[in-house]
Amino acid sequence: MTIKQTDTFWAKIYIAGPIAGIEQCCRDYCQKGLCVTVTPTNYIYTGGEQTGAIIGLINYARFPMTEEFIEESMIELGGKIMISLHQLSFSVETPKDTRYFEREDIGKKKE
């Protein structure tokens, strides 16, 4: 048996939207050689709820990546999903921090 080991690091995207659309965006994005998990979830908040997903990417020991690559990939993927599915925002969580990303092109007054 071969054992490979790498430093633990992960990132997760939290985004609302139809699960089929989220999965298709992930399929398209992962063509470049990534493997993500897609876990359907429900976001329940004051005044409503939405369906969506938590998308995960780990530092897989078979094909190790840098923390920066993992973070940048998930921010890029989250942005692509947000735009494609007409969402207003998403969050990316890592062991270091959680960042919130919001569209600037919606709800802003055009000048």
N, C-alpha and C. Protein backbone atom coordinates (compact mmCIF):
# COMPACT_ATOMS: atom_id res chain seq x y z
N MET A 1 0.84 -1.17 0.00
CA MET A 1 0.00 0.00 0.00
C MET A 1 0.89 1.24 0.00
N THR A 2 0.55 2.20 -0.84
CA THR A 2 1.25 3.48 -0.89
C THR A 2 0.48 4.50 -0.08
N ILE A 3 1.19 5.27 0.71
CA ILE A 3 0.56 6.33 1.49
C ILE A 3 1.16 7.65 1.08
N LYS A 4 0.31 8.62 0.76
CA LYS A 4 0.74 9.97 0.44
C LYS A 4 0.14 10.91 1.47
N GLN A 5 0.87 11.96 1.79
CA GLN A 5 0.41 12.90 2.81
C GLN A 5 0.72 14.32 2.37
N THR A 6 -0.14 15.23 2.73
CA THR A 6 0.07 16.65 2.43
C THR A 6 -0.50 17.48 3.57
N ASP A 7 -0.17 18.75 3.59
CA ASP A 7 -0.74 19.64 4.60
C ASP A 7 -2.25 19.76 4.38
N THR A 8 -2.99 19.77 5.47
CA THR A 8 -4.44 19.91 5.39
C THR A 8 -4.80 21.35 5.07
N PHE A 9 -5.64 21.51 4.06
CA PHE A 9 -6.21 22.80 3.74
C PHE A 9 -7.45 22.55 2.91
N TRP A 10 -8.46 23.37 3.07
CA TRP A 10 -9.71 23.24 2.32
C TRP A 10 -10.35 24.60 2.16
N ALA A 11 -11.26 24.67 1.23
CA ALA A 11 -12.09 25.87 1.06
C ALA A 11 -13.49 25.40 0.68
N LYS A 12 -14.47 26.15 1.15
CA LYS A 12 -15.87 25.86 0.85
C LYS A 12 -16.57 27.12 0.35
N ILE A 13 -17.38 26.94 -0.68
CA ILE A 13 -18.23 28.01 -1.19
C ILE A 13 -19.63 27.77 -0.64
N TYR A 14 -20.26 28.83 -0.16
CA TYR A 14 -21.65 28.80 0.27
C TYR A 14 -22.43 29.71 -0.69
N ILE A 15 -23.37 29.13 -1.43
CA ILE A 15 -24.10 29.92 -2.42
C ILE A 15 -25.52 29.35 -2.60
N ALA A 16 -26.47 30.25 -2.78
CA ALA A 16 -27.85 29.86 -3.06
C ALA A 16 -28.02 29.69 -4.56
N GLY A 17 -29.08 28.99 -4.94
CA GLY A 17 -29.39 28.79 -6.35
C GLY A 17 -29.85 27.37 -6.59
N PRO A 18 -30.35 27.12 -7.78
CA PRO A 18 -30.82 25.77 -8.11
C PRO A 18 -29.66 24.79 -8.18
N ILE A 19 -29.80 23.65 -7.51
CA ILE A 19 -28.71 22.69 -7.40
C ILE A 19 -28.24 22.19 -8.77
N ALA A 20 -29.16 21.98 -9.70
CA ALA A 20 -28.76 21.50 -11.03
C ALA A 20 -27.86 22.51 -11.72
N GLY A 21 -28.15 23.79 -11.58
CA GLY A 21 -27.32 24.83 -12.18
C GLY A 21 -25.95 24.91 -11.51
N ILE A 22 -25.95 24.79 -10.19
CA ILE A 22 -24.68 24.80 -9.45
C ILE A 22 -23.81 23.63 -9.89
N GLU A 23 -24.41 22.44 -9.97
CA GLU A 23 -23.66 21.26 -10.39
C GLU A 23 -23.09 21.43 -11.79
N GLN A 24 -23.87 22.00 -12.71
CA GLN A 24 -23.39 22.18 -14.08
C GLN A 24 -22.24 23.18 -14.13
N CYS A 25 -22.32 24.25 -13.37
CA CYS A 25 -21.21 25.21 -13.30
C CYS A 25 -19.94 24.53 -12.79
N CYS A 26 -20.11 23.66 -11.79
CA CYS A 26 -18.95 22.93 -11.25
C CYS A 26 -18.38 21.97 -12.28
N ARG A 27 -19.24 21.27 -13.01
CA ARG A 27 -18.77 20.37 -14.07
C ARG A 27 -17.94 21.14 -15.09
N ASP A 28 -18.47 22.27 -15.52
CA ASP A 28 -17.77 23.08 -16.52
C ASP A 28 -16.42 23.56 -15.99
N TYR A 29 -16.40 24.04 -14.76
CA TYR A 29 -15.17 24.58 -14.16
C TYR A 29 -14.13 23.49 -13.93
N CYS A 30 -14.56 22.32 -13.53
CA CYS A 30 -13.64 21.24 -13.18
C CYS A 30 -13.01 20.57 -14.40
N GLN A 31 -13.37 21.00 -15.60
CA GLN A 31 -12.74 20.49 -16.81
C GLN A 31 -11.24 20.71 -16.78
N LYS A 32 -10.78 21.70 -16.01
CA LYS A 32 -9.35 22.02 -15.99
C LYS A 32 -8.57 21.14 -15.02
N GLY A 33 -9.19 20.10 -14.48
CA GLY A 33 -8.46 19.14 -13.66
C GLY A 33 -8.71 19.23 -12.17
N LEU A 34 -9.83 19.75 -11.75
CA LEU A 34 -10.17 19.81 -10.33
C LEU A 34 -11.27 18.81 -10.00
N CYS A 35 -11.44 18.56 -8.72
CA CYS A 35 -12.52 17.70 -8.23
C CYS A 35 -13.11 18.38 -7.01
N VAL A 36 -14.36 18.79 -7.09
CA VAL A 36 -15.03 19.42 -5.97
C VAL A 36 -16.20 18.56 -5.50
N THR A 37 -16.62 18.81 -4.27
CA THR A 37 -17.83 18.18 -3.76
C THR A 37 -18.95 19.20 -3.84
N VAL A 38 -20.17 18.73 -4.05
CA VAL A 38 -21.35 19.60 -4.07
C VAL A 38 -22.38 18.99 -3.13
N THR A 39 -22.66 19.71 -2.05
CA THR A 39 -23.61 19.23 -1.06
C THR A 39 -24.83 20.16 -1.07
N PRO A 40 -25.99 19.64 -1.47
CA PRO A 40 -27.20 20.48 -1.44
C PRO A 40 -27.50 20.92 0.00
N THR A 41 -28.01 22.14 0.13
CA THR A 41 -28.35 22.65 1.46
C THR A 41 -29.52 23.61 1.35
N ASN A 42 -30.08 23.97 2.48
CA ASN A 42 -31.13 24.98 2.57
C ASN A 42 -30.63 26.11 3.44
N TYR A 43 -30.79 27.32 2.98
CA TYR A 43 -30.45 28.50 3.76
C TYR A 43 -31.75 29.06 4.32
N ILE A 44 -31.89 29.04 5.63
CA ILE A 44 -33.09 29.52 6.30
C ILE A 44 -32.69 30.76 7.10
N TYR A 45 -33.37 31.86 6.85
CA TYR A 45 -33.02 33.13 7.46
C TYR A 45 -34.30 33.88 7.80
N THR A 46 -34.16 34.97 8.54
CA THR A 46 -35.30 35.79 8.91
C THR A 46 -36.06 36.20 7.66
N GLY A 47 -37.30 35.81 7.58
CA GLY A 47 -38.14 36.22 6.46
C GLY A 47 -38.10 35.33 5.24
N GLY A 48 -37.39 34.22 5.27
CA GLY A 48 -37.41 33.37 4.10
C GLY A 48 -36.42 32.23 4.12
N GLU A 49 -36.31 31.59 2.98
CA GLU A 49 -35.34 30.51 2.80
C GLU A 49 -35.06 30.32 1.32
N GLN A 50 -33.91 29.72 1.04
CA GLN A 50 -33.49 29.43 -0.32
C GLN A 50 -32.75 28.10 -0.35
N THR A 51 -32.84 27.41 -1.48
CA THR A 51 -32.01 26.24 -1.68
C THR A 51 -30.66 26.69 -2.22
N GLY A 52 -29.67 25.83 -2.10
CA GLY A 52 -28.35 26.15 -2.61
C GLY A 52 -27.42 24.99 -2.37
N ALA A 53 -26.12 25.31 -2.23
CA ALA A 53 -25.13 24.25 -2.05
C ALA A 53 -23.94 24.76 -1.26
N ILE A 54 -23.21 23.81 -0.72
CA ILE A 54 -21.89 24.03 -0.15
C ILE A 54 -20.94 23.25 -1.06
N ILE A 55 -19.99 23.94 -1.65
CA ILE A 55 -19.06 23.34 -2.60
C ILE A 55 -17.70 23.28 -1.93
N GLY A 56 -17.09 22.10 -1.91
CA GLY A 56 -15.83 21.93 -1.21
C GLY A 56 -14.68 21.52 -2.12
N LEU A 57 -13.49 21.96 -1.74
CA LEU A 57 -12.25 21.57 -2.42
C LEU A 57 -11.20 21.36 -1.33
N ILE A 58 -10.60 20.17 -1.29
CA ILE A 58 -9.57 19.87 -0.30
C ILE A 58 -8.20 19.78 -0.96
N ASN A 59 -7.17 19.88 -0.15
CA ASN A 59 -5.82 19.63 -0.62
C ASN A 59 -5.64 18.11 -0.65
N TYR A 60 -5.92 17.55 -1.79
CA TYR A 60 -5.94 16.10 -1.99
C TYR A 60 -4.50 15.59 -2.12
N ALA A 61 -4.11 14.68 -1.26
CA ALA A 61 -2.71 14.22 -1.20
C ALA A 61 -2.22 13.60 -2.51
N ARG A 62 -3.10 13.02 -3.29
CA ARG A 62 -2.67 12.43 -4.57
C ARG A 62 -2.22 13.52 -5.55
N PHE A 63 -2.89 14.66 -5.52
CA PHE A 63 -2.56 15.79 -6.38
C PHE A 63 -2.51 17.06 -5.52
N PRO A 64 -1.48 17.25 -4.73
CA PRO A 64 -1.44 18.38 -3.80
C PRO A 64 -1.43 19.74 -4.51
N MET A 65 -2.03 20.71 -3.84
CA MET A 65 -2.13 22.08 -4.35
C MET A 65 -1.69 23.04 -3.25
N THR A 66 -1.39 24.27 -3.64
CA THR A 66 -1.07 25.27 -2.64
C THR A 66 -2.35 25.85 -2.06
N GLU A 67 -2.24 26.42 -0.87
CA GLU A 67 -3.39 27.09 -0.26
C GLU A 67 -3.89 28.20 -1.18
N GLU A 68 -2.98 28.94 -1.77
CA GLU A 68 -3.36 30.05 -2.64
C GLU A 68 -4.15 29.56 -3.84
N PHE A 69 -3.71 28.45 -4.43
CA PHE A 69 -4.42 27.90 -5.59
C PHE A 69 -5.83 27.47 -5.20
N ILE A 70 -5.97 26.82 -4.06
CA ILE A 70 -7.29 26.37 -3.60
C ILE A 70 -8.20 27.58 -3.38
N GLU A 71 -7.70 28.59 -2.67
CA GLU A 71 -8.51 29.79 -2.41
C GLU A 71 -8.90 30.49 -3.70
N GLU A 72 -7.93 30.73 -4.57
CA GLU A 72 -8.19 31.43 -5.82
C GLU A 72 -9.18 30.66 -6.69
N SER A 73 -9.05 29.34 -6.73
CA SER A 73 -9.97 28.51 -7.53
C SER A 73 -11.39 28.63 -7.02
N MET A 74 -11.56 28.61 -5.70
CA MET A 74 -12.91 28.66 -5.14
C MET A 74 -13.52 30.06 -5.29
N ILE A 75 -12.72 31.09 -5.19
CA ILE A 75 -13.24 32.44 -5.42
C ILE A 75 -13.67 32.58 -6.88
N GLU A 76 -12.85 32.07 -7.79
CA GLU A 76 -13.19 32.13 -9.21
C GLU A 76 -14.46 31.32 -9.51
N LEU A 77 -14.54 30.10 -8.98
CA LEU A 77 -15.72 29.26 -9.20
C LEU A 77 -16.96 29.91 -8.60
N GLY A 78 -16.86 30.42 -7.39
CA GLY A 78 -18.00 31.09 -6.77
C GLY A 78 -18.50 32.25 -7.61
N GLY A 79 -17.58 33.02 -8.16
CA GLY A 79 -17.96 34.14 -9.02
C GLY A 79 -18.66 33.68 -10.29
N LYS A 80 -18.17 32.60 -10.88
CA LYS A 80 -18.80 32.07 -12.09
C LYS A 80 -20.21 31.57 -11.80
N ILE A 81 -20.38 30.88 -10.67
CA ILE A 81 -21.72 30.40 -10.30
C ILE A 81 -22.64 31.59 -10.04
N MET A 82 -22.16 32.56 -9.28
CA MET A 82 -22.97 33.74 -8.95
C MET A 82 -23.49 34.43 -10.21
N ILE A 83 -22.60 34.66 -11.16
CA ILE A 83 -22.99 35.34 -12.40
C ILE A 83 -23.93 34.45 -13.22
N SER A 84 -23.56 33.19 -13.40
CA SER A 84 -24.34 32.28 -14.23
C SER A 84 -25.76 32.08 -13.71
N LEU A 85 -25.91 32.02 -12.40
CA LEU A 85 -27.22 31.73 -11.80
C LEU A 85 -27.91 32.98 -11.26
N HIS A 86 -27.37 34.15 -11.59
CA HIS A 86 -27.98 35.43 -11.22
C HIS A 86 -28.17 35.57 -9.71
N GLN A 87 -27.15 35.16 -8.97
CA GLN A 87 -27.17 35.32 -7.52
C GLN A 87 -26.52 36.66 -7.17
N LEU A 88 -26.79 37.13 -5.97
CA LEU A 88 -26.26 38.42 -5.55
C LEU A 88 -24.95 38.30 -4.79
N SER A 89 -24.69 37.10 -4.21
CA SER A 89 -23.51 36.97 -3.35
C SER A 89 -23.15 35.51 -3.14
N PHE A 90 -21.97 35.31 -2.56
CA PHE A 90 -21.54 34.00 -2.09
C PHE A 90 -20.46 34.22 -1.05
N SER A 91 -20.15 33.19 -0.28
CA SER A 91 -19.08 33.25 0.71
C SER A 91 -18.09 32.13 0.45
N VAL A 92 -16.83 32.37 0.79
CA VAL A 92 -15.79 31.35 0.74
C VAL A 92 -15.19 31.24 2.14
N GLU A 93 -15.22 30.03 2.69
CA GLU A 93 -14.69 29.75 4.02
C GLU A 93 -13.45 28.88 3.90
N THR A 94 -12.40 29.25 4.63
CA THR A 94 -11.19 28.43 4.75
C THR A 94 -10.90 28.29 6.24
N PRO A 95 -9.90 27.49 6.61
CA PRO A 95 -9.55 27.42 8.03
C PRO A 95 -9.04 28.77 8.57
N LYS A 96 -8.65 29.68 7.67
CA LYS A 96 -8.11 30.98 8.09
C LYS A 96 -9.16 32.06 8.26
N ASP A 97 -10.14 32.11 7.33
CA ASP A 97 -11.14 33.17 7.38
C ASP A 97 -12.34 32.84 6.51
N THR A 98 -13.34 33.70 6.60
CA THR A 98 -14.52 33.61 5.75
C THR A 98 -14.68 34.94 5.05
N ARG A 99 -14.83 34.89 3.71
CA ARG A 99 -14.97 36.11 2.92
C ARG A 99 -16.32 36.11 2.20
N TYR A 100 -16.92 37.27 2.16
CA TYR A 100 -18.22 37.48 1.52
C TYR A 100 -17.98 38.28 0.23
N PHE A 101 -18.55 37.81 -0.87
CA PHE A 101 -18.41 38.46 -2.16
C PHE A 101 -19.80 38.85 -2.65
N GLU A 102 -19.93 40.10 -3.07
CA GLU A 102 -21.23 40.62 -3.49
C GLU A 102 -21.08 41.28 -4.85
N ARG A 103 -22.08 41.06 -5.70
CA ARG A 103 -22.06 41.69 -7.03
C ARG A 103 -22.16 43.18 -6.91
N GLU A 104 -21.44 43.87 -7.74
CA GLU A 104 -21.49 45.33 -7.75
C GLU A 104 -22.38 45.85 -8.88
N ASP A 105 -22.77 44.97 -9.79
CA ASP A 105 -23.52 45.42 -10.96
C ASP A 105 -25.03 45.32 -10.80
N ILE A 106 -25.50 44.91 -9.62
CA ILE A 106 -26.94 44.79 -9.39
C ILE A 106 -27.32 45.74 -8.27
N GLY A 107 -28.38 46.46 -8.48
CA GLY A 107 -28.89 47.35 -7.44
C GLY A 107 -28.16 48.66 -7.33
N LYS A 108 -27.18 48.87 -8.18
CA LYS A 108 -26.44 50.14 -8.16
C LYS A 108 -27.07 51.10 -9.17
N LYS A 109 -27.10 52.34 -8.83
CA LYS A 109 -27.64 53.36 -9.70
C LYS A 109 -26.68 53.60 -10.85
N LYS A 110 -27.18 53.51 -12.08
CA LYS A 110 -26.35 53.76 -13.25
C LYS A 110 -26.21 55.26 -13.47
N GLU A 111 -25.00 55.68 -13.79
CA GLU A 111 -24.75 57.10 -14.01
C GLU A 111 -24.35 57.34 -15.44
